[in-house]
Structure formats: structure tokens, C-alpha cells
Amino acid sequence: MTDQKPKERKKLSLKTRTLLLTEAGYRCAVPTCRGILALDMHHIWEVNAGGGDDPSNLIALCPTCHALYHRGTITEDSIYIWKSMLTSLSQAFDREAIDNLLFLHSTPTASLALSGDGVLHFSRLIAAGLATYVCKANNAWQLVTYVVVLTEKGQQLITAWKSGNRELLEKALNEEN
């Protein structure tokens, strides 16, 4: 009978750390935090339980959120949802689009009045069906104002992402536009 030692954590390669930081936009993966300083690389499936250093098993967390996870305040399910969202969003959108999505959601009415040039900053979200826009004012084409609004799907997606709720996420992703 041999005693098996638990796997020991190794230092992550620069390539892996850079990939994870890029995926998270150099911010904490927790959407209600998004801290930018001193990010930890958290193993979703712990090393001592057999988890590896593959980027799919790692997520960037600030030290506070990392500690909250280990204390049980942040659930394992939430970590899974946030990693899934980061992976999906980082494949579909650039950091500006993700920031615009979170910003639009944080406005009191989830809408924003903009010029035509401003609407272009939300074009990826509009094309994805997460936001829409309407012409609000047209002063003989001298001053045209548009309003960008999160769609119901956009609202559901952000709510599911922020809450870390798997059922809400599945519902948001399976809704028809």
C-alpha cells in the first residue's frame, strides 16, 4: 500500500496567467467587483482534489473575492457561471463591449441617450440582440439623439451573470430574441 501525496500547486506559466488576465479584461471575474489590482488565479477544481493548471480550470479573482470564495460566501456554482460568462463574452466581445454592457445595466433605466457616434460604441451589443436603439429626437438632422436600451435578453443575461445563478443563465441563453 502506497501513500499518495496530494498534488502540489505549481507556479503558473506567464502564458497561462496572461491568457486568464486577458479573458477577464485584467479585472476580477466577479461581475459585481471587477477590481483591477493584485489578481489571483483561482483553481475552480482545486489542485489537491486533482484539478490542473489548464486555463479552463482557472479564473482571475481579486484577493477579497478569492477569500470570500474560500469562506463560502461566494458559491462554487457562481464561480462556474462567471467563468462560463467570461469565456463566452471574451470570445464574442472585446473589453469595451463588455464594459458597455455592464455600464448600460448600471444606469437607472438601463438606457442611455447618445449621438449617432455614441451608438456605434454599442454596435456589438446591438448586433447580438443584447441592446437596441431608437431615434429619440431629430432637429432637422442638425442634432439627432438616439437612446440605447438593454433588451430583455440583455437584462436577463446580466442579472444571471451578476447573481451567478445557473438556472437564470440557462433561461437567458435559451430565450428567443
N, C-alpha and C. Protein backbone atom coordinates (compact mmCIF):
# COMPACT_ATOMS: atom_id res chain seq x y z
N MET A 1 0.84 -1.18 0.00
CA MET A 1 0.00 0.00 0.00
C MET A 1 0.89 1.24 0.00
N THR A 2 0.63 2.10 -0.96
CA THR A 2 1.45 3.32 -1.05
C THR A 2 0.60 4.53 -0.68
N ASP A 3 1.22 5.42 0.02
CA ASP A 3 0.55 6.67 0.35
C ASP A 3 0.71 7.62 -0.82
N GLN A 4 -0.39 8.12 -1.32
CA GLN A 4 -0.32 9.09 -2.40
C GLN A 4 -0.36 10.48 -1.80
N LYS A 5 0.63 11.26 -2.18
CA LYS A 5 0.67 12.65 -1.73
C LYS A 5 -0.33 13.45 -2.56
N PRO A 6 -0.98 14.42 -1.94
CA PRO A 6 -1.86 15.27 -2.73
C PRO A 6 -1.03 16.09 -3.73
N LYS A 7 -1.66 16.39 -4.86
CA LYS A 7 -0.97 17.20 -5.86
C LYS A 7 -0.59 18.54 -5.24
N GLU A 8 0.57 19.01 -5.63
CA GLU A 8 1.01 20.31 -5.14
C GLU A 8 0.84 21.35 -6.23
N ARG A 9 0.52 22.52 -5.80
CA ARG A 9 0.35 23.63 -6.72
C ARG A 9 1.69 24.04 -7.30
N LYS A 10 1.71 24.28 -8.61
CA LYS A 10 2.92 24.76 -9.27
C LYS A 10 2.70 26.21 -9.68
N LYS A 11 3.78 26.89 -9.89
CA LYS A 11 3.68 28.27 -10.37
C LYS A 11 3.15 28.24 -11.81
N LEU A 12 2.15 29.07 -12.08
CA LEU A 12 1.56 29.12 -13.42
C LEU A 12 2.51 29.82 -14.38
N SER A 13 2.50 29.37 -15.60
CA SER A 13 3.35 30.00 -16.61
C SER A 13 2.84 31.39 -16.94
N LEU A 14 3.72 32.21 -17.44
CA LEU A 14 3.35 33.57 -17.86
C LEU A 14 2.28 33.51 -18.94
N LYS A 15 2.39 32.56 -19.84
CA LYS A 15 1.41 32.40 -20.92
C LYS A 15 0.01 32.13 -20.35
N THR A 16 -0.08 31.23 -19.38
CA THR A 16 -1.37 30.90 -18.76
C THR A 16 -1.93 32.10 -18.00
N ARG A 17 -1.09 32.76 -17.21
CA ARG A 17 -1.56 33.94 -16.46
C ARG A 17 -2.04 35.03 -17.41
N THR A 18 -1.30 35.27 -18.48
CA THR A 18 -1.68 36.30 -19.45
C THR A 18 -3.00 35.96 -20.12
N LEU A 19 -3.18 34.70 -20.47
CA LEU A 19 -4.42 34.25 -21.09
C LEU A 19 -5.61 34.49 -20.16
N LEU A 20 -5.46 34.14 -18.89
CA LEU A 20 -6.54 34.33 -17.92
C LEU A 20 -6.82 35.79 -17.65
N LEU A 21 -5.77 36.59 -17.54
CA LEU A 21 -5.96 38.02 -17.30
C LEU A 21 -6.63 38.68 -18.50
N THR A 22 -6.25 38.27 -19.70
CA THR A 22 -6.87 38.80 -20.91
C THR A 22 -8.34 38.40 -20.96
N GLU A 23 -8.63 37.15 -20.66
CA GLU A 23 -10.01 36.66 -20.64
C GLU A 23 -10.88 37.50 -19.70
N ALA A 24 -10.33 37.87 -18.55
CA ALA A 24 -11.08 38.64 -17.55
C ALA A 24 -10.96 40.15 -17.75
N GLY A 25 -10.26 40.56 -18.81
CA GLY A 25 -10.09 42.00 -19.04
C GLY A 25 -9.20 42.65 -18.00
N TYR A 26 -8.27 41.88 -17.44
CA TYR A 26 -7.36 42.35 -16.38
C TYR A 26 -8.14 42.88 -15.18
N ARG A 27 -9.26 42.19 -14.91
CA ARG A 27 -10.12 42.56 -13.78
C ARG A 27 -10.59 41.30 -13.08
N CYS A 28 -11.06 41.46 -11.86
CA CYS A 28 -11.66 40.35 -11.13
C CYS A 28 -12.84 39.82 -11.94
N ALA A 29 -12.98 38.52 -12.02
CA ALA A 29 -14.04 37.89 -12.80
C ALA A 29 -15.42 38.05 -12.18
N VAL A 30 -15.49 38.45 -10.93
CA VAL A 30 -16.78 38.65 -10.28
C VAL A 30 -17.40 39.94 -10.84
N PRO A 31 -18.54 39.83 -11.53
CA PRO A 31 -19.08 41.00 -12.23
C PRO A 31 -19.52 42.14 -11.33
N THR A 32 -19.77 41.86 -10.07
CA THR A 32 -20.14 42.92 -9.13
C THR A 32 -18.92 43.54 -8.47
N CYS A 33 -17.73 43.02 -8.77
CA CYS A 33 -16.49 43.53 -8.20
C CYS A 33 -15.68 44.23 -9.29
N ARG A 34 -15.11 43.45 -10.20
CA ARG A 34 -14.30 43.92 -11.32
C ARG A 34 -13.07 44.71 -10.87
N GLY A 35 -12.55 44.39 -9.64
CA GLY A 35 -11.33 45.02 -9.15
C GLY A 35 -10.17 44.78 -10.11
N ILE A 36 -9.21 45.71 -10.12
CA ILE A 36 -8.12 45.62 -11.10
C ILE A 36 -6.74 45.40 -10.48
N LEU A 37 -6.64 45.39 -9.18
CA LEU A 37 -5.32 45.27 -8.56
C LEU A 37 -5.09 43.88 -7.99
N ALA A 38 -3.88 43.40 -8.10
CA ALA A 38 -3.40 42.17 -7.43
C ALA A 38 -4.35 40.99 -7.64
N LEU A 39 -4.49 40.52 -8.86
CA LEU A 39 -5.40 39.42 -9.14
C LEU A 39 -4.75 38.06 -8.88
N ASP A 40 -5.52 37.17 -8.26
CA ASP A 40 -5.10 35.80 -8.00
C ASP A 40 -5.67 34.91 -9.11
N MET A 41 -5.00 33.80 -9.38
CA MET A 41 -5.52 32.80 -10.30
C MET A 41 -6.08 31.67 -9.46
N HIS A 42 -7.39 31.55 -9.45
CA HIS A 42 -8.09 30.57 -8.61
C HIS A 42 -8.36 29.30 -9.41
N HIS A 43 -8.06 28.16 -8.81
CA HIS A 43 -8.38 26.86 -9.42
C HIS A 43 -9.85 26.54 -9.13
N ILE A 44 -10.64 26.37 -10.17
CA ILE A 44 -12.05 26.05 -9.99
C ILE A 44 -12.19 24.68 -9.36
N TRP A 45 -11.50 23.72 -9.91
CA TRP A 45 -11.39 22.40 -9.30
C TRP A 45 -10.03 22.38 -8.63
N GLU A 46 -10.02 22.36 -7.31
CA GLU A 46 -8.80 22.55 -6.53
C GLU A 46 -7.69 21.55 -6.90
N VAL A 47 -6.45 22.00 -6.84
CA VAL A 47 -5.29 21.17 -7.17
C VAL A 47 -5.23 19.94 -6.28
N ASN A 48 -5.46 20.11 -4.98
CA ASN A 48 -5.38 18.97 -4.06
C ASN A 48 -6.50 17.96 -4.28
N ALA A 49 -7.51 18.33 -5.08
CA ALA A 49 -8.59 17.41 -5.44
C ALA A 49 -8.40 16.84 -6.84
N GLY A 50 -7.26 17.16 -7.46
CA GLY A 50 -6.96 16.63 -8.78
C GLY A 50 -7.09 17.63 -9.92
N GLY A 51 -7.46 18.86 -9.61
CA GLY A 51 -7.59 19.89 -10.64
C GLY A 51 -6.24 20.31 -11.20
N GLY A 52 -6.21 20.63 -12.46
CA GLY A 52 -4.96 21.01 -13.11
C GLY A 52 -4.85 22.50 -13.37
N ASP A 53 -3.77 22.84 -14.06
CA ASP A 53 -3.47 24.24 -14.36
C ASP A 53 -3.92 24.66 -15.75
N ASP A 54 -4.83 23.90 -16.35
CA ASP A 54 -5.36 24.28 -17.65
C ASP A 54 -6.19 25.55 -17.49
N PRO A 55 -6.09 26.49 -18.43
CA PRO A 55 -6.85 27.74 -18.32
C PRO A 55 -8.36 27.54 -18.12
N SER A 56 -8.90 26.44 -18.62
CA SER A 56 -10.33 26.18 -18.43
C SER A 56 -10.67 25.90 -16.97
N ASN A 57 -9.67 25.59 -16.15
CA ASN A 57 -9.87 25.31 -14.73
C ASN A 57 -9.44 26.47 -13.84
N LEU A 58 -9.16 27.61 -14.44
CA LEU A 58 -8.67 28.76 -13.67
C LEU A 58 -9.51 29.99 -13.96
N ILE A 59 -9.59 30.87 -12.97
CA ILE A 59 -10.33 32.11 -13.11
C ILE A 59 -9.60 33.19 -12.30
N ALA A 60 -9.58 34.41 -12.82
CA ALA A 60 -8.92 35.53 -12.15
C ALA A 60 -9.87 36.12 -11.10
N LEU A 61 -9.40 36.18 -9.85
CA LEU A 61 -10.17 36.77 -8.76
C LEU A 61 -9.29 37.73 -7.99
N CYS A 62 -9.88 38.83 -7.52
CA CYS A 62 -9.13 39.71 -6.64
C CYS A 62 -8.96 38.99 -5.30
N PRO A 63 -8.02 39.38 -4.47
CA PRO A 63 -7.81 38.69 -3.19
C PRO A 63 -9.05 38.67 -2.29
N THR A 64 -9.85 39.73 -2.33
CA THR A 64 -11.06 39.76 -1.50
C THR A 64 -12.07 38.71 -1.96
N CYS A 65 -12.35 38.67 -3.26
CA CYS A 65 -13.31 37.69 -3.79
C CYS A 65 -12.77 36.27 -3.63
N HIS A 66 -11.46 36.10 -3.78
CA HIS A 66 -10.84 34.80 -3.60
C HIS A 66 -11.08 34.32 -2.16
N ALA A 67 -10.85 35.21 -1.20
CA ALA A 67 -11.07 34.87 0.21
C ALA A 67 -12.56 34.59 0.48
N LEU A 68 -13.44 35.38 -0.15
CA LEU A 68 -14.88 35.16 0.04
C LEU A 68 -15.31 33.79 -0.49
N TYR A 69 -14.69 33.35 -1.58
CA TYR A 69 -14.98 32.01 -2.09
C TYR A 69 -14.55 30.96 -1.07
N HIS A 70 -13.34 31.06 -0.57
CA HIS A 70 -12.84 30.05 0.36
C HIS A 70 -13.56 30.07 1.71
N ARG A 71 -14.20 31.18 2.03
CA ARG A 71 -15.02 31.25 3.26
C ARG A 71 -16.44 30.75 3.03
N GLY A 72 -16.79 30.51 1.76
CA GLY A 72 -18.13 30.01 1.45
C GLY A 72 -19.14 31.08 1.11
N THR A 73 -18.73 32.35 1.12
CA THR A 73 -19.65 33.43 0.79
C THR A 73 -19.98 33.43 -0.70
N ILE A 74 -18.99 33.17 -1.53
CA ILE A 74 -19.20 33.02 -2.97
C ILE A 74 -19.29 31.52 -3.24
N THR A 75 -20.35 31.11 -3.93
CA THR A 75 -20.57 29.68 -4.15
C THR A 75 -19.75 29.15 -5.32
N GLU A 76 -19.57 27.84 -5.30
CA GLU A 76 -18.90 27.14 -6.40
C GLU A 76 -19.68 27.33 -7.70
N ASP A 77 -21.00 27.30 -7.61
CA ASP A 77 -21.85 27.49 -8.78
C ASP A 77 -21.63 28.88 -9.39
N SER A 78 -21.49 29.89 -8.54
CA SER A 78 -21.25 31.25 -9.04
C SER A 78 -19.92 31.32 -9.79
N ILE A 79 -18.90 30.70 -9.25
CA ILE A 79 -17.59 30.68 -9.92
C ILE A 79 -17.73 30.04 -11.29
N TYR A 80 -18.46 28.93 -11.36
CA TYR A 80 -18.68 28.23 -12.63
C TYR A 80 -19.40 29.15 -13.63
N ILE A 81 -20.44 29.82 -13.18
CA ILE A 81 -21.21 30.72 -14.06
C ILE A 81 -20.33 31.87 -14.53
N TRP A 82 -19.58 32.48 -13.63
CA TRP A 82 -18.74 33.61 -14.01
C TRP A 82 -17.67 33.19 -15.01
N LYS A 83 -17.09 32.02 -14.81
CA LYS A 83 -16.09 31.52 -15.76
C LYS A 83 -16.76 31.28 -17.12
N SER A 84 -17.93 30.66 -17.12
CA SER A 84 -18.65 30.42 -18.38
C SER A 84 -18.96 31.72 -19.11
N MET A 85 -19.40 32.71 -18.35
CA MET A 85 -19.73 34.00 -18.96
C MET A 85 -18.48 34.68 -19.50
N LEU A 86 -17.40 34.66 -18.74
CA LEU A 86 -16.16 35.27 -19.21
C LEU A 86 -15.67 34.61 -20.49
N THR A 87 -15.70 33.29 -20.51
CA THR A 87 -15.25 32.56 -21.68
C THR A 87 -16.12 32.93 -22.88
N SER A 88 -17.42 32.92 -22.70
CA SER A 88 -18.35 33.25 -23.79
C SER A 88 -18.20 34.69 -24.24
N LEU A 89 -18.23 35.61 -23.28
CA LEU A 89 -18.16 37.02 -23.63
C LEU A 89 -16.82 37.41 -24.25
N SER A 90 -15.73 36.84 -23.73
CA SER A 90 -14.43 37.22 -24.27
C SER A 90 -14.23 36.67 -25.68
N GLN A 91 -14.96 35.61 -26.03
CA GLN A 91 -14.90 35.11 -27.41
C GLN A 91 -15.76 35.96 -28.33
N ALA A 92 -16.84 36.53 -27.81
CA ALA A 92 -17.78 37.27 -28.64
C ALA A 92 -17.54 38.78 -28.67
N PHE A 93 -17.01 39.32 -27.58
CA PHE A 93 -16.91 40.77 -27.45
C PHE A 93 -15.52 41.19 -26.99
N ASP A 94 -15.17 42.43 -27.30
CA ASP A 94 -13.94 42.99 -26.77
C ASP A 94 -14.24 43.58 -25.38
N ARG A 95 -13.21 44.01 -24.71
CA ARG A 95 -13.37 44.52 -23.35
C ARG A 95 -14.29 45.73 -23.31
N GLU A 96 -14.22 46.60 -24.31
CA GLU A 96 -15.09 47.78 -24.33
C GLU A 96 -16.56 47.38 -24.38
N ALA A 97 -16.89 46.39 -25.20
CA ALA A 97 -18.29 45.96 -25.31
C ALA A 97 -18.78 45.37 -23.99
N ILE A 98 -17.94 44.59 -23.31
CA ILE A 98 -18.32 44.02 -22.02
C ILE A 98 -18.51 45.13 -20.99
N ASP A 99 -17.60 46.10 -20.97
CA ASP A 99 -17.74 47.23 -20.06
C ASP A 99 -19.01 48.03 -20.38
N ASN A 100 -19.30 48.22 -21.67
CA ASN A 100 -20.52 48.95 -22.06
C ASN A 100 -21.77 48.20 -21.61
N LEU A 101 -21.75 46.88 -21.70
CA LEU A 101 -22.88 46.07 -21.27
C LEU A 101 -23.11 46.24 -19.77
N LEU A 102 -22.05 46.15 -18.98
CA LEU A 102 -22.17 46.34 -17.53
C LEU A 102 -22.57 47.78 -17.19
N PHE A 103 -22.00 48.74 -17.92
CA PHE A 103 -22.34 50.16 -17.67
C PHE A 103 -23.80 50.43 -17.98
N LEU A 104 -24.27 49.96 -19.12
CA LEU A 104 -25.66 50.19 -19.51
C LEU A 104 -26.60 49.57 -18.48
N HIS A 105 -26.24 48.40 -17.98
CA HIS A 105 -27.07 47.75 -16.97
C HIS A 105 -27.09 48.55 -15.67
N SER A 106 -26.01 49.26 -15.37
CA SER A 106 -25.93 50.01 -14.11
C SER A 106 -26.65 51.35 -14.15
N THR A 107 -27.04 51.82 -15.34
CA THR A 107 -27.77 53.08 -15.41
C THR A 107 -29.18 52.86 -14.85
N PRO A 108 -29.77 53.87 -14.24
CA PRO A 108 -31.07 53.68 -13.56
C PRO A 108 -32.17 53.09 -14.45
N THR A 109 -32.20 53.45 -15.72
CA THR A 109 -33.25 52.93 -16.60
C THR A 109 -32.72 51.93 -17.61
N ALA A 110 -31.47 51.52 -17.46
CA ALA A 110 -30.79 50.61 -18.41
C ALA A 110 -30.87 51.18 -19.81
N SER A 111 -30.82 52.52 -19.90
CA SER A 111 -30.83 53.18 -21.20
C SER A 111 -29.93 54.41 -21.14
N LEU A 112 -29.55 54.88 -22.31
CA LEU A 112 -28.60 55.97 -22.40
C LEU A 112 -28.89 56.78 -23.65
N ALA A 113 -28.96 58.11 -23.54
CA ALA A 113 -29.16 58.98 -24.71
C ALA A 113 -27.80 59.33 -25.29
N LEU A 114 -27.67 59.15 -26.61
CA LEU A 114 -26.38 59.34 -27.28
C LEU A 114 -26.55 59.95 -28.66
N SER A 115 -25.44 60.45 -29.18
CA SER A 115 -25.40 60.86 -30.59
C SER A 115 -25.23 59.60 -31.43
N GLY A 116 -25.29 59.75 -32.72
CA GLY A 116 -25.07 58.61 -33.62
C GLY A 116 -23.71 57.97 -33.41
N ASP A 117 -22.69 58.81 -33.20
CA ASP A 117 -21.35 58.26 -32.96
C ASP A 117 -21.31 57.44 -31.67
N GLY A 118 -22.06 57.87 -30.67
CA GLY A 118 -22.10 57.14 -29.41
C GLY A 118 -22.77 55.79 -29.55
N VAL A 119 -23.77 55.70 -30.41
CA VAL A 119 -24.46 54.44 -30.65
C VAL A 119 -23.49 53.40 -31.18
N LEU A 120 -22.53 53.84 -31.99
CA LEU A 120 -21.56 52.91 -32.58
C LEU A 120 -20.77 52.14 -31.52
N HIS A 121 -20.57 52.73 -30.35
CA HIS A 121 -19.85 52.04 -29.27
C HIS A 121 -20.63 50.83 -28.76
N PHE A 122 -21.92 50.81 -29.02
CA PHE A 122 -22.78 49.72 -28.56
C PHE A 122 -23.16 48.78 -29.70
N SER A 123 -22.52 48.94 -30.86
CA SER A 123 -22.91 48.18 -32.06
C SER A 123 -22.80 46.66 -31.87
N ARG A 124 -21.79 46.19 -31.19
CA ARG A 124 -21.66 44.74 -30.98
C ARG A 124 -22.79 44.20 -30.11
N LEU A 125 -23.17 44.96 -29.10
CA LEU A 125 -24.27 44.54 -28.23
C LEU A 125 -25.60 44.58 -28.98
N ILE A 126 -25.77 45.59 -29.83
CA ILE A 126 -26.98 45.70 -30.64
C ILE A 126 -27.06 44.54 -31.62
N ALA A 127 -25.95 44.23 -32.29
CA ALA A 127 -25.92 43.13 -33.25
C ALA A 127 -26.20 41.79 -32.58
N ALA A 128 -25.81 41.64 -31.33
CA ALA A 128 -26.02 40.39 -30.60
C ALA A 128 -27.41 40.30 -29.97
N GLY A 129 -28.20 41.36 -30.08
CA GLY A 129 -29.54 41.34 -29.52
C GLY A 129 -29.58 41.61 -28.03
N LEU A 130 -28.48 42.10 -27.47
CA LEU A 130 -28.45 42.41 -26.05
C LEU A 130 -28.85 43.85 -25.77
N ALA A 131 -28.83 44.68 -26.80
CA ALA A 131 -29.24 46.08 -26.69
C ALA A 131 -29.94 46.46 -27.99
N THR A 132 -30.67 47.54 -27.94
CA THR A 132 -31.32 48.08 -29.12
C THR A 132 -31.26 49.60 -29.04
N TYR A 133 -31.61 50.27 -30.12
CA TYR A 133 -31.59 51.72 -30.10
C TYR A 133 -32.77 52.26 -30.90
N VAL A 134 -33.19 53.47 -30.53
CA VAL A 134 -34.25 54.17 -31.25
C VAL A 134 -33.86 55.64 -31.38
N CYS A 135 -34.30 56.27 -32.46
CA CYS A 135 -34.09 57.71 -32.65
C CYS A 135 -35.07 58.42 -31.73
N LYS A 136 -34.57 59.26 -30.85
CA LYS A 136 -35.41 59.93 -29.86
C LYS A 136 -35.75 61.36 -30.27
N ALA A 137 -34.78 62.04 -30.89
CA ALA A 137 -35.01 63.43 -31.29
C ALA A 137 -34.27 63.70 -32.59
N ASN A 138 -34.93 64.45 -33.46
CA ASN A 138 -34.32 64.78 -34.74
C ASN A 138 -34.67 66.24 -35.03
N ASN A 139 -33.71 67.12 -34.86
CA ASN A 139 -33.90 68.54 -35.08
C ASN A 139 -33.42 68.89 -36.49
N ALA A 140 -34.23 68.53 -37.49
CA ALA A 140 -33.91 68.77 -38.90
C ALA A 140 -32.51 68.25 -39.23
N TRP A 141 -32.16 67.10 -38.67
CA TRP A 141 -30.89 66.40 -38.89
C TRP A 141 -29.67 67.20 -38.40
N GLN A 142 -29.91 68.28 -37.67
CA GLN A 142 -28.78 69.02 -37.12
C GLN A 142 -28.33 68.43 -35.79
N LEU A 143 -29.28 67.95 -35.02
CA LEU A 143 -28.98 67.29 -33.75
C LEU A 143 -29.89 66.07 -33.62
N VAL A 144 -29.32 64.91 -33.83
CA VAL A 144 -30.08 63.67 -33.74
C VAL A 144 -29.64 62.94 -32.47
N THR A 145 -30.62 62.56 -31.67
CA THR A 145 -30.33 61.87 -30.43
C THR A 145 -30.96 60.48 -30.48
N TYR A 146 -30.18 59.50 -30.07
CA TYR A 146 -30.65 58.12 -30.01
C TYR A 146 -30.63 57.66 -28.56
N VAL A 147 -31.46 56.69 -28.26
CA VAL A 147 -31.45 56.08 -26.94
C VAL A 147 -31.09 54.61 -27.12
N VAL A 148 -30.05 54.18 -26.42
CA VAL A 148 -29.64 52.78 -26.41
C VAL A 148 -30.20 52.15 -25.15
N VAL A 149 -30.85 51.01 -25.31
CA VAL A 149 -31.52 50.33 -24.21
C VAL A 149 -31.14 48.85 -24.21
N LEU A 150 -30.94 48.30 -23.03
CA LEU A 150 -30.75 46.86 -22.93
C LEU A 150 -32.05 46.16 -23.31
N THR A 151 -31.96 45.11 -24.09
CA THR A 151 -33.14 44.32 -24.38
C THR A 151 -33.45 43.45 -23.17
N GLU A 152 -34.59 42.79 -23.20
CA GLU A 152 -34.94 41.89 -22.10
C GLU A 152 -33.89 40.78 -21.98
N LYS A 153 -33.43 40.29 -23.13
CA LYS A 153 -32.40 39.25 -23.11
C LYS A 153 -31.11 39.79 -22.48
N GLY A 154 -30.74 41.03 -22.81
CA GLY A 154 -29.57 41.66 -22.21
C GLY A 154 -29.72 41.80 -20.71
N GLN A 155 -30.90 42.22 -20.28
CA GLN A 155 -31.18 42.36 -18.84
C GLN A 155 -31.06 41.01 -18.14
N GLN A 156 -31.68 39.98 -18.74
CA GLN A 156 -31.65 38.65 -18.13
C GLN A 156 -30.23 38.10 -18.05
N LEU A 157 -29.46 38.33 -19.11
CA LEU A 157 -28.09 37.83 -19.14
C LEU A 157 -27.24 38.46 -18.04
N ILE A 158 -27.33 39.77 -17.90
CA ILE A 158 -26.55 40.46 -16.87
C ILE A 158 -27.03 40.07 -15.47
N THR A 159 -28.33 39.97 -15.28
CA THR A 159 -28.86 39.56 -13.97
C THR A 159 -28.35 38.17 -13.61
N ALA A 160 -28.39 37.25 -14.58
CA ALA A 160 -27.90 35.88 -14.33
C ALA A 160 -26.40 35.89 -14.05
N TRP A 161 -25.65 36.67 -14.83
CA TRP A 161 -24.20 36.74 -14.66
C TRP A 161 -23.85 37.28 -13.28
N LYS A 162 -24.47 38.39 -12.90
CA LYS A 162 -24.13 39.01 -11.61
C LYS A 162 -24.54 38.13 -10.43
N SER A 163 -25.65 37.43 -10.58
CA SER A 163 -26.12 36.60 -9.47
C SER A 163 -25.38 35.26 -9.39
N GLY A 164 -24.75 34.86 -10.50
CA GLY A 164 -24.09 33.55 -10.53
C GLY A 164 -25.08 32.41 -10.47
N ASN A 165 -26.30 32.64 -10.98
CA ASN A 165 -27.37 31.66 -10.92
C ASN A 165 -27.43 30.89 -12.23
N ARG A 166 -27.14 29.58 -12.17
CA ARG A 166 -27.09 28.74 -13.37
C ARG A 166 -28.45 28.64 -14.06
N GLU A 167 -29.54 28.51 -13.30
CA GLU A 167 -30.87 28.40 -13.90
C GLU A 167 -31.24 29.67 -14.66
N LEU A 168 -30.97 30.83 -14.07
CA LEU A 168 -31.24 32.09 -14.75
C LEU A 168 -30.40 32.23 -16.02
N LEU A 169 -29.14 31.80 -15.95
CA LEU A 169 -28.27 31.87 -17.11
C LEU A 169 -28.80 31.00 -18.24
N GLU A 170 -29.17 29.77 -17.92
CA GLU A 170 -29.71 28.88 -18.95
C GLU A 170 -30.97 29.46 -19.55
N LYS A 171 -31.83 30.04 -18.73
CA LYS A 171 -33.07 30.66 -19.23
C LYS A 171 -32.73 31.83 -20.16
N ALA A 172 -31.80 32.69 -19.75
CA ALA A 172 -31.43 33.84 -20.57
C ALA A 172 -30.84 33.41 -21.90
N LEU A 173 -30.01 32.38 -21.90
CA LEU A 173 -29.37 31.94 -23.13
C LEU A 173 -30.32 31.19 -24.05
N ASN A 174 -31.37 30.59 -23.49
CA ASN A 174 -32.31 29.83 -24.30
C ASN A 174 -33.52 30.62 -24.75
N GLU A 175 -33.66 31.86 -24.27
CA GLU A 175 -34.77 32.71 -24.70
C GLU A 175 -34.60 33.09 -26.15
N GLU A 176 -35.70 33.13 -26.86
CA GLU A 176 -35.69 33.64 -28.23
C GLU A 176 -35.66 35.15 -28.19
N ASN A 177 -35.01 35.76 -29.21
CA ASN A 177 -34.96 37.23 -29.25
C ASN A 177 -36.32 37.82 -29.43
